[in-house]
Amino acid sequence: MDQRSETGIGAKQPASAFSAGALIGTLGGLIGLGGAEFRLPLLISLFRFAALEAVILNKTMSLVVVASALPFRAATVPFSAIAANWPIIVNLLCGSLLGAWCGASWAVKMKQELLYQIIAVLLVVIAAVLLFTHDAAAPSGPSLSGIPLAVAGVVAGFAIGVVASLLGVAGGELLIPTLVLLFGADIKLAGSLSLAVSLPTMLVGFTRYSQDGSFAVIGKNKSFLLVMAAGSLVGTFIGGLLLGVVSGAVLLPILAAILVLSAVKVWQHR
């Protein structure tokens, strides 16, 4: 079992924490996400936090990024447009809230070795999602209707909530394709709707983690959290500015490859 210190090496390296956060935020900003899927492997491999500690720290920083991103996007997608789609938000939340609670409950009881394996597999899954669905065009309307659509929304929400809690991510990399392909949402609207679903989902997972002793890692690494979160916000802003500079056809395969390589490294930490 991994016996690394709860404080990690990151607590003593604020410059490294800020730089890593900025790089991760930039990567996430380039594809319209918070970058948490890239942050988690670094917390494990570079800053040497144990798997569960890294997940909890990642979720804390993801909360900061998501809470900041929603008002930042208001100029492009007004809150009125988000409110008008409340049935979709409620549909997904019915599954994601329960999924987030279950995912966090499983994570705190899981052996570290198994958690490393699950994290590695999920990183590969997210790489595939980024590669094959991120540029998918919205269909002319929802792919289902009525009760089948509602059931599919709950099931998808539950799965996304579980993944979000196990990785400490916002879940946008899974929510956006779901909103586009299942509900027929416009890609810009889907980005804001995903944030509206992610925030309460993450809060539920965060609440469950707060009931476990591993939550103490936050108190022991407050400075590290603040510095890396600040770097992530700066990077997200930079990534947004560079959004049109790099072609998605070039960027997405590179980012997917990074996630796969990260998954291999995480797997080796068993």
C-alpha atoms as a PDB file:
ATOM      1  CA  MET A   1       0.000   0.000   0.000  1.00  0.00           C
ATOM      2  CA  ASP A   2       1.135   3.529  -0.722  1.00  0.00           C
ATOM      3  CA  GLN A   3       2.603   5.080   2.409  1.00  0.00           C
ATOM      4  CA  ARG A   4       3.184   8.610   1.128  1.00  0.00           C
ATOM      5  CA  SER A   5       2.817  11.581   3.433  1.00  0.00           C
ATOM      6  CA  GLU A   6      -0.526  13.340   3.648  1.00  0.00           C
ATOM      7  CA  THR A   7       1.198  16.675   3.175  1.00  0.00           C
ATOM      8  CA  GLY A   8       2.906  15.613  -0.077  1.00  0.00           C
ATOM      9  CA  ILE A   9       5.851  17.502  -1.512  1.00  0.00           C
ATOM     10  CA  GLY A  10       3.512  20.122  -2.956  1.00  0.00           C
ATOM     11  CA  ALA A  11       3.090  21.892   0.376  1.00  0.00           C
ATOM     12  CA  LYS A  12       6.731  22.976   0.221  1.00  0.00           C
ATOM     13  CA  GLN A  13       6.712  23.969  -3.475  1.00  0.00           C
ATOM     14  CA  PRO A  14       4.284  26.870  -4.037  1.00  0.00           C
ATOM     15  CA  ALA A  15       5.927  27.839  -7.350  1.00  0.00           C
ATOM     16  CA  SER A  16       5.522  24.294  -8.664  1.00  0.00           C
ATOM     17  CA  ALA A  17       1.931  24.165  -7.425  1.00  0.00           C
ATOM     18  CA  PHE A  18       1.018  27.435  -9.155  1.00  0.00           C
ATOM     19  CA  SER A  19       2.811  26.491 -12.393  1.00  0.00           C
ATOM     20  CA  ALA A  20       1.194  23.053 -12.491  1.00  0.00           C
ATOM     21  CA  GLY A  21      -2.203  24.588 -11.791  1.00  0.00           C
ATOM     22  CA  ALA A  22      -1.733  27.135 -14.578  1.00  0.00           C
ATOM     23  CA  LEU A  23      -0.685  24.457 -17.069  1.00  0.00           C
ATOM     24  CA  ILE A  24      -3.629  22.244 -16.139  1.00  0.00           C
ATOM     25  CA  GLY A  25      -6.048  25.167 -16.294  1.00  0.00           C
ATOM     26  CA  THR A  26      -4.753  26.093 -19.735  1.00  0.00           C
ATOM     27  CA  LEU A  27      -5.257  22.554 -21.027  1.00  0.00           C
ATOM     28  CA  GLY A  28      -8.756  22.491 -19.589  1.00  0.00           C
ATOM     29  CA  GLY A  29      -9.569  25.966 -20.903  1.00  0.00           C
ATOM     30  CA  LEU A  30      -8.561  24.962 -24.421  1.00  0.00           C
ATOM     31  CA  ILE A  31     -11.303  22.319 -24.487  1.00  0.00           C
ATOM     32  CA  GLY A  32     -13.819  24.176 -22.310  1.00  0.00           C
ATOM     33  CA  LEU A  33     -13.296  22.144 -19.110  1.00  0.00           C
ATOM     34  CA  GLY A  34     -11.808  22.846 -15.687  1.00  0.00           C
ATOM     35  CA  GLY A  35      -8.792  20.591 -16.195  1.00  0.00           C
ATOM     36  CA  ALA A  36      -9.413  18.376 -13.155  1.00  0.00           C
ATOM     37  CA  GLU A  37      -8.880  15.228 -15.224  1.00  0.00           C
ATOM     38  CA  PHE A  38      -5.305  16.430 -15.872  1.00  0.00           C
ATOM     39  CA  ARG A  39      -4.765  17.706 -12.312  1.00  0.00           C
ATOM     40  CA  LEU A  40      -5.458  14.371 -10.611  1.00  0.00           C
ATOM     41  CA  PRO A  41      -2.534  12.445 -12.183  1.00  0.00           C
ATOM     42  CA  LEU A  42      -0.166  15.297 -11.270  1.00  0.00           C
ATOM     43  CA  LEU A  43      -1.348  15.297  -7.662  1.00  0.00           C
ATOM     44  CA  ILE A  44      -0.517  11.598  -7.525  1.00  0.00           C
ATOM     45  CA  SER A  45       2.654  11.408  -9.633  1.00  0.00           C
ATOM     46  CA  LEU A  46       4.336  14.785  -9.146  1.00  0.00           C
ATOM     47  CA  PHE A  47       3.123  15.946  -5.742  1.00  0.00           C
ATOM     48  CA  ARG A  48       2.975  12.417  -4.344  1.00  0.00           C
ATOM     49  CA  PHE A  49      -0.399  12.457  -2.630  1.00  0.00           C
ATOM     50  CA  ALA A  50      -2.038   9.101  -1.990  1.00  0.00           C
ATOM     51  CA  ALA A  51      -5.003   8.254  -4.234  1.00  0.00           C
ATOM     52  CA  LEU A  52      -7.860   9.227  -1.900  1.00  0.00           C
ATOM     53  CA  GLU A  53      -6.055  12.385  -0.730  1.00  0.00           C
ATOM     54  CA  ALA A  54      -5.491  13.405  -4.356  1.00  0.00           C
ATOM     55  CA  VAL A  55      -9.174  12.842  -5.183  1.00  0.00           C
ATOM     56  CA  ILE A  56     -10.318  15.006  -2.251  1.00  0.00           C
ATOM     57  CA  LEU A  57      -7.856  17.805  -3.072  1.00  0.00           C
ATOM     58  CA  ASN A  58      -8.847  17.615  -6.742  1.00  0.00           C
ATOM     59  CA  LYS A  59     -12.531  17.916  -5.863  1.00  0.00           C
ATOM     60  CA  THR A  60     -11.827  20.948  -3.658  1.00  0.00           C
ATOM     61  CA  MET A  61     -10.014  22.770  -6.461  1.00  0.00           C
ATOM     62  CA  SER A  62     -12.640  21.673  -8.986  1.00  0.00           C
ATOM     63  CA  LEU A  63     -15.310  23.323  -6.837  1.00  0.00           C
ATOM     64  CA  VAL A  64     -13.409  26.615  -6.992  1.00  0.00           C
ATOM     65  CA  VAL A  65     -13.019  26.428 -10.773  1.00  0.00           C
ATOM     66  CA  VAL A  66     -16.640  25.435 -11.430  1.00  0.00           C
ATOM     67  CA  ALA A  67     -18.076  28.074  -9.076  1.00  0.00           C
ATOM     68  CA  SER A  68     -16.000  30.710 -10.898  1.00  0.00           C
ATOM     69  CA  ALA A  69     -16.744  29.449 -14.410  1.00  0.00           C
ATOM     70  CA  LEU A  70     -20.541  29.715 -14.211  1.00  0.00           C
ATOM     71  CA  PRO A  71     -20.706  33.519 -13.770  1.00  0.00           C
ATOM     72  CA  PHE A  72     -17.804  33.948 -16.237  1.00  0.00           C
ATOM     73  CA  ARG A  73     -19.929  32.276 -18.931  1.00  0.00           C
ATOM     74  CA  ALA A  74     -22.991  34.420 -18.190  1.00  0.00           C
ATOM     75  CA  ALA A  75     -22.018  36.917 -20.910  1.00  0.00           C
ATOM     76  CA  THR A  76     -22.195  34.139 -23.532  1.00  0.00           C
ATOM     77  CA  VAL A  77     -24.982  32.028 -22.054  1.00  0.00           C
ATOM     78  CA  PRO A  78     -27.281  34.082 -19.769  1.00  0.00           C
ATOM     79  CA  PHE A  79     -28.723  32.594 -16.591  1.00  0.00           C
ATOM     80  CA  SER A  80     -32.199  32.906 -18.142  1.00  0.00           C
ATOM     81  CA  ALA A  81     -31.219  30.381 -20.830  1.00  0.00           C
ATOM     82  CA  ILE A  82     -29.987  27.986 -18.136  1.00  0.00           C
ATOM     83  CA  ALA A  83     -33.169  28.443 -16.071  1.00  0.00           C
ATOM     84  CA  ALA A  84     -35.315  27.766 -19.147  1.00  0.00           C
ATOM     85  CA  ASN A  85     -33.803  24.286 -19.326  1.00  0.00           C
ATOM     86  CA  TRP A  86     -34.465  23.397 -15.694  1.00  0.00           C
ATOM     87  CA  PRO A  87     -36.201  20.067 -16.594  1.00  0.00           C
ATOM     88  CA  ILE A  88     -32.932  18.786 -18.101  1.00  0.00           C
ATOM     89  CA  ILE A  89     -30.938  19.923 -15.058  1.00  0.00           C
ATOM     90  CA  VAL A  90     -33.384  18.284 -12.643  1.00  0.00           C
ATOM     91  CA  ASN A  91     -33.457  15.091 -14.714  1.00  0.00           C
ATOM     92  CA  LEU A  92     -29.672  14.680 -14.575  1.00  0.00           C
ATOM     93  CA  LEU A  93     -29.455  15.760 -10.918  1.00  0.00           C
ATOM     94  CA  CYS A  94     -31.907  13.022  -9.914  1.00  0.00           C
ATOM     95  CA  GLY A  95     -29.198  10.543 -10.847  1.00  0.00           C
ATOM     96  CA  SER A  96     -25.986  12.514 -10.327  1.00  0.00           C
ATOM     97  CA  LEU A  97     -26.647  13.475  -6.691  1.00  0.00           C
ATOM     98  CA  LEU A  98     -27.138   9.856  -5.693  1.00  0.00           C
ATOM     99  CA  GLY A  99     -24.198   8.806  -7.855  1.00  0.00           C
ATOM    100  CA  ALA A 100     -21.936  11.383  -6.218  1.00  0.00           C
ATOM    101  CA  TRP A 101     -22.844  10.156  -2.729  1.00  0.00           C
ATOM    102  CA  CYS A 102     -22.347   6.506  -3.677  1.00  0.00           C
ATOM    103  CA  GLY A 103     -19.072   7.197  -5.475  1.00  0.00           C
ATOM    104  CA  ALA A 104     -17.614   9.039  -2.496  1.00  0.00           C
ATOM    105  CA  SER A 105     -18.839   6.321  -0.124  1.00  0.00           C
ATOM    106  CA  TRP A 106     -17.137   3.632  -2.199  1.00  0.00           C
ATOM    107  CA  ALA A 107     -13.908   5.650  -2.505  1.00  0.00           C
ATOM    108  CA  VAL A 108     -13.405   6.121   1.244  1.00  0.00           C
ATOM    109  CA  LYS A 109     -13.917   2.389   1.879  1.00  0.00           C
ATOM    110  CA  MET A 110     -11.833   1.185  -1.042  1.00  0.00           C
ATOM    111  CA  LYS A 111      -8.290  -0.134  -0.770  1.00  0.00           C
ATOM    112  CA  GLN A 112      -5.742   2.319  -2.177  1.00  0.00           C
ATOM    113  CA  GLU A 113      -4.470  -0.215  -4.706  1.00  0.00           C
ATOM    114  CA  LEU A 114      -7.964  -0.719  -6.145  1.00  0.00           C
ATOM    115  CA  LEU A 115      -8.634   3.020  -6.197  1.00  0.00           C
ATOM    116  CA  TYR A 116      -5.451   3.575  -8.244  1.00  0.00           C
ATOM    117  CA  GLN A 117      -6.650   0.965 -10.742  1.00  0.00           C
ATOM    118  CA  ILE A 118     -10.119   2.497 -11.017  1.00  0.00           C
ATOM    119  CA  ILE A 119      -8.681   5.998 -11.466  1.00  0.00           C
ATOM    120  CA  ALA A 120      -6.394   4.730 -14.245  1.00  0.00           C
ATOM    121  CA  VAL A 121      -9.271   3.028 -16.079  1.00  0.00           C
ATOM    122  CA  LEU A 122     -11.531   6.087 -15.774  1.00  0.00           C
ATOM    123  CA  LEU A 123      -8.779   8.352 -17.147  1.00  0.00           C
ATOM    124  CA  VAL A 124      -8.633   6.133 -20.247  1.00  0.00           C
ATOM    125  CA  VAL A 125     -12.432   6.280 -20.548  1.00  0.00           C
ATOM    126  CA  ILE A 126     -12.356  10.083 -20.368  1.00  0.00           C
ATOM    127  CA  ALA A 127      -9.582  10.140 -22.997  1.00  0.00           C
ATOM    128  CA  ALA A 128     -11.876   8.151 -25.310  1.00  0.00           C
ATOM    129  CA  VAL A 129     -14.804  10.471 -24.599  1.00  0.00           C
ATOM    130  CA  LEU A 130     -12.694  13.539 -25.388  1.00  0.00           C
ATOM    131  CA  LEU A 131     -11.407  11.971 -28.577  1.00  0.00           C
ATOM    132  CA  PHE A 132     -14.667  10.655 -30.015  1.00  0.00           C
ATOM    133  CA  THR A 133     -17.502  12.846 -28.689  1.00  0.00           C
ATOM    134  CA  HIS A 134     -16.141  16.296 -27.832  1.00  0.00           C
ATOM    135  CA  ASP A 135     -16.736  17.717 -31.322  1.00  0.00           C
ATOM    136  CA  ALA A 136     -19.992  15.856 -31.864  1.00  0.00           C
ATOM    137  CA  ALA A 137     -22.701  17.983 -33.436  1.00  0.00           C
ATOM    138  CA  ALA A 138     -25.990  18.295 -31.619  1.00  0.00           C
ATOM    139  CA  PRO A 139     -28.831  16.294 -33.200  1.00  0.00           C
ATOM    140  CA  SER A 140     -31.941  18.140 -34.340  1.00  0.00           C
ATOM    141  CA  GLY A 141     -33.625  17.213 -31.068  1.00  0.00           C
ATOM    142  CA  PRO A 142     -33.437  14.820 -28.112  1.00  0.00           C
ATOM    143  CA  SER A 143     -32.546  11.269 -29.126  1.00  0.00           C
ATOM    144  CA  LEU A 144     -35.371   9.967 -26.905  1.00  0.00           C
ATOM    145  CA  SER A 145     -38.570  11.426 -25.501  1.00  0.00           C
ATOM    146  CA  GLY A 146     -40.928  11.058 -22.577  1.00  0.00           C
ATOM    147  CA  ILE A 147     -40.263   8.407 -19.933  1.00  0.00           C
ATOM    148  CA  PRO A 148     -37.372   6.723 -21.841  1.00  0.00           C
ATOM    149  CA  LEU A 149     -35.540  10.078 -21.979  1.00  0.00           C
ATOM    150  CA  ALA A 150     -36.157  10.705 -18.280  1.00  0.00           C
ATOM    151  CA  VAL A 151     -34.896   7.234 -17.331  1.00  0.00           C
ATOM    152  CA  ALA A 152     -31.840   7.581 -19.575  1.00  0.00           C
ATOM    153  CA  GLY A 153     -31.114  10.976 -17.982  1.00  0.00           C
ATOM    154  CA  VAL A 154     -31.232   9.544 -14.458  1.00  0.00           C
ATOM    155  CA  VAL A 155     -29.023   6.578 -15.387  1.00  0.00           C
ATOM    156  CA  ALA A 156     -26.496   8.808 -17.188  1.00  0.00           C
ATOM    157  CA  GLY A 157     -26.542  11.258 -14.279  1.00  0.00           C
ATOM    158  CA  PHE A 158     -25.884   8.480 -11.752  1.00  0.00           C
ATOM    159  CA  ALA A 159     -22.890   7.180 -13.733  1.00  0.00           C
ATOM    160  CA  ILE A 160     -21.489  10.698 -14.135  1.00  0.00           C
ATOM    161  CA  GLY A 161     -21.958  11.410 -10.428  1.00  0.00           C
ATOM    162  CA  VAL A 162     -20.041   8.259  -9.509  1.00  0.00           C
ATOM    163  CA  VAL A 163     -17.158   9.116 -11.848  1.00  0.00           C
ATOM    164  CA  ALA A 164     -17.069  12.727 -10.630  1.00  0.00           C
ATOM    165  CA  SER A 165     -16.723  11.597  -7.018  1.00  0.00           C
ATOM    166  CA  LEU A 166     -14.158   8.873  -7.717  1.00  0.00           C
ATOM    167  CA  LEU A 167     -11.920  11.265  -9.672  1.00  0.00           C
ATOM    168  CA  GLY A 168     -12.720  14.503  -7.859  1.00  0.00           C
ATOM    169  CA  VAL A 169     -13.724  16.149 -11.147  1.00  0.00           C
ATOM    170  CA  ALA A 170     -16.659  18.322 -12.178  1.00  0.00           C
ATOM    171  CA  GLY A 171     -17.773  15.776 -14.753  1.00  0.00           C
ATOM    172  CA  GLY A 172     -18.074  18.195 -17.673  1.00  0.00           C
ATOM    173  CA  GLU A 173     -16.112  15.867 -19.941  1.00  0.00           C
ATOM    174  CA  LEU A 174     -19.023  13.399 -19.590  1.00  0.00           C
ATOM    175  CA  LEU A 175     -21.917  15.800 -19.016  1.00  0.00           C
ATOM    176  CA  ILE A 176     -21.375  17.871 -22.162  1.00  0.00           C
ATOM    177  CA  PRO A 177     -21.544  14.898 -24.584  1.00  0.00           C
ATOM    178  CA  THR A 178     -24.585  13.613 -22.671  1.00  0.00           C
ATOM    179  CA  LEU A 179     -26.367  16.957 -22.956  1.00  0.00           C
ATOM    180  CA  VAL A 180     -25.511  17.247 -26.648  1.00  0.00           C
ATOM    181  CA  LEU A 181     -26.185  13.676 -27.772  1.00  0.00           C
ATOM    182  CA  LEU A 182     -29.021  12.681 -25.419  1.00  0.00           C
ATOM    183  CA  PHE A 183     -30.882  15.972 -24.959  1.00  0.00           C
ATOM    184  CA  GLY A 184     -29.923  17.695 -28.234  1.00  0.00           C
ATOM    185  CA  ALA A 185     -28.522  20.782 -26.478  1.00  0.00           C
ATOM    186  CA  ASP A 186     -26.408  23.350 -28.301  1.00  0.00           C
ATOM    187  CA  ILE A 187     -22.719  22.920 -27.418  1.00  0.00           C
ATOM    188  CA  LYS A 188     -22.413  26.378 -25.792  1.00  0.00           C
ATOM    189  CA  LEU A 189     -25.586  25.891 -23.767  1.00  0.00           C
ATOM    190  CA  ALA A 190     -24.426  22.380 -22.845  1.00  0.00           C
ATOM    191  CA  GLY A 191     -21.263  23.846 -21.307  1.00  0.00           C
ATOM    192  CA  SER A 192     -23.262  26.059 -18.955  1.00  0.00           C
ATOM    193  CA  LEU A 193     -25.880  23.404 -18.192  1.00  0.00           C
ATOM    194  CA  SER A 194     -23.073  21.002 -17.264  1.00  0.00           C
ATOM    195  CA  LEU A 195     -21.786  23.535 -14.734  1.00  0.00           C
ATOM    196  CA  ALA A 196     -25.290  23.905 -13.269  1.00  0.00           C
ATOM    197  CA  VAL A 197     -25.437  20.133 -12.793  1.00  0.00           C
ATOM    198  CA  SER A 198     -21.808  19.787 -11.673  1.00  0.00           C
ATOM    199  CA  LEU A 199     -21.909  22.278  -8.807  1.00  0.00           C
ATOM    200  CA  PRO A 200     -24.610  20.595  -6.651  1.00  0.00           C
ATOM    201  CA  THR A 201     -23.289  17.163  -7.642  1.00  0.00           C
ATOM    202  CA  MET A 202     -19.804  18.067  -6.414  1.00  0.00           C
ATOM    203  CA  LEU A 203     -21.187  19.572  -3.214  1.00  0.00           C
ATOM    204  CA  VAL A 204     -22.926  16.275  -2.409  1.00  0.00           C
ATOM    205  CA  GLY A 205     -19.718  14.310  -3.009  1.00  0.00           C
ATOM    206  CA  PHE A 206     -17.789  16.879  -1.000  1.00  0.00           C
ATOM    207  CA  THR A 207     -20.246  16.534   1.893  1.00  0.00           C
ATOM    208  CA  ARG A 208     -19.809  12.754   1.905  1.00  0.00           C
ATOM    209  CA  TYR A 209     -16.022  13.045   1.871  1.00  0.00           C
ATOM    210  CA  SER A 210     -16.183  15.523   4.790  1.00  0.00           C
ATOM    211  CA  GLN A 211     -17.530  12.706   6.987  1.00  0.00           C
ATOM    212  CA  ASP A 212     -14.335  10.678   6.527  1.00  0.00           C
ATOM    213  CA  GLY A 213     -10.981  11.084   8.286  1.00  0.00           C
ATOM    214  CA  SER A 214      -9.202  11.496   4.947  1.00  0.00           C
ATOM    215  CA  PHE A 215     -10.851  14.916   4.637  1.00  0.00           C
ATOM    216  CA  ALA A 216      -8.171  16.208   7.020  1.00  0.00           C
ATOM    217  CA  VAL A 217      -5.804  16.431   4.033  1.00  0.00           C
ATOM    218  CA  ILE A 218      -7.498  19.730   3.122  1.00  0.00           C
ATOM    219  CA  GLY A 219      -6.634  21.356   6.437  1.00  0.00           C
ATOM    220  CA  LYS A 220      -3.041  20.149   6.208  1.00  0.00           C
ATOM    221  CA  ASN A 221      -2.584  21.544   2.699  1.00  0.00           C
ATOM    222  CA  LYS A 222      -4.516  24.825   2.701  1.00  0.00           C
ATOM    223  CA  SER A 223      -1.676  26.874   1.235  1.00  0.00           C
ATOM    224  CA  PHE A 224      -1.039  24.317  -1.479  1.00  0.00           C
ATOM    225  CA  LEU A 225      -4.745  24.265  -2.361  1.00  0.00           C
ATOM    226  CA  LEU A 226      -5.008  28.039  -2.609  1.00  0.00           C
ATOM    227  CA  VAL A 227      -1.859  28.390  -4.720  1.00  0.00           C
ATOM    228  CA  MET A 228      -2.738  25.590  -7.142  1.00  0.00           C
ATOM    229  CA  ALA A 229      -6.371  26.734  -7.409  1.00  0.00           C
ATOM    230  CA  ALA A 230      -5.161  30.258  -8.221  1.00  0.00           C
ATOM    231  CA  GLY A 231      -2.893  28.834 -10.910  1.00  0.00           C
ATOM    232  CA  SER A 232      -5.788  26.800 -12.312  1.00  0.00           C
ATOM    233  CA  LEU A 233      -8.002  29.889 -12.586  1.00  0.00           C
ATOM    234  CA  VAL A 234      -5.247  31.835 -14.361  1.00  0.00           C
ATOM    235  CA  GLY A 235      -4.627  28.904 -16.696  1.00  0.00           C
ATOM    236  CA  THR A 236      -8.331  28.488 -17.465  1.00  0.00           C
ATOM    237  CA  PHE A 237      -8.487  32.152 -18.466  1.00  0.00           C
ATOM    238  CA  ILE A 238      -5.406  31.762 -20.691  1.00  0.00           C
ATOM    239  CA  GLY A 239      -6.794  28.586 -22.242  1.00  0.00           C
ATOM    240  CA  GLY A 240     -10.023  30.397 -23.062  1.00  0.00           C
ATOM    241  CA  LEU A 241      -8.069  33.130 -24.849  1.00  0.00           C
ATOM    242  CA  LEU A 242      -6.169  30.510 -26.867  1.00  0.00           C
ATOM    243  CA  LEU A 243      -9.313  28.577 -27.699  1.00  0.00           C
ATOM    244  CA  GLY A 244      -9.330  29.486 -31.386  1.00  0.00           C
ATOM    245  CA  VAL A 245      -5.562  29.280 -31.900  1.00  0.00           C
ATOM    246  CA  VAL A 246      -5.086  25.505 -31.780  1.00  0.00           C
ATOM    247  CA  SER A 247      -7.207  23.259 -33.975  1.00  0.00           C
ATOM    248  CA  GLY A 248      -9.328  20.725 -32.130  1.00  0.00           C
ATOM    249  CA  ALA A 249      -8.266  18.093 -34.645  1.00  0.00           C
ATOM    250  CA  VAL A 250      -4.702  18.518 -33.367  1.00  0.00           C
ATOM    251  CA  LEU A 251      -5.413  19.309 -29.718  1.00  0.00           C
ATOM    252  CA  LEU A 252      -7.836  16.547 -28.735  1.00  0.00           C
ATOM    253  CA  PRO A 253      -5.607  13.587 -29.752  1.00  0.00           C
ATOM    254  CA  ILE A 254      -2.698  15.164 -27.838  1.00  0.00           C
ATOM    255  CA  LEU A 255      -4.804  15.672 -24.705  1.00  0.00           C
ATOM    256  CA  ALA A 256      -6.204  12.139 -24.994  1.00  0.00           C
ATOM    257  CA  ALA A 257      -2.655  10.784 -25.250  1.00  0.00           C
ATOM    258  CA  ILE A 258      -1.672  12.757 -22.126  1.00  0.00           C
ATOM    259  CA  LEU A 259      -4.548  11.170 -20.209  1.00  0.00           C
ATOM    260  CA  VAL A 260      -3.597   7.679 -21.362  1.00  0.00           C
ATOM    261  CA  LEU A 261       0.045   8.196 -20.334  1.00  0.00           C
ATOM    262  CA  SER A 262      -1.168   9.584 -17.000  1.00  0.00           C
ATOM    263  CA  ALA A 263      -3.355   6.507 -16.545  1.00  0.00           C
ATOM    264  CA  VAL A 264      -0.325   4.259 -17.045  1.00  0.00           C
ATOM    265  CA  LYS A 265       1.628   6.185 -14.395  1.00  0.00           C
ATOM    266  CA  VAL A 266      -1.275   6.081 -11.935  1.00  0.00           C
ATOM    267  CA  TRP A 267      -1.695   2.344 -12.510  1.00  0.00           C
ATOM    268  CA  GLN A 268       1.994   1.851 -11.662  1.00  0.00           C
ATOM    269  CA  HIS A 269       1.458   3.519  -8.256  1.00  0.00           C
ATOM    270  CA  ARG A 270      -0.406   0.485  -6.911  1.00  0.00           C
END
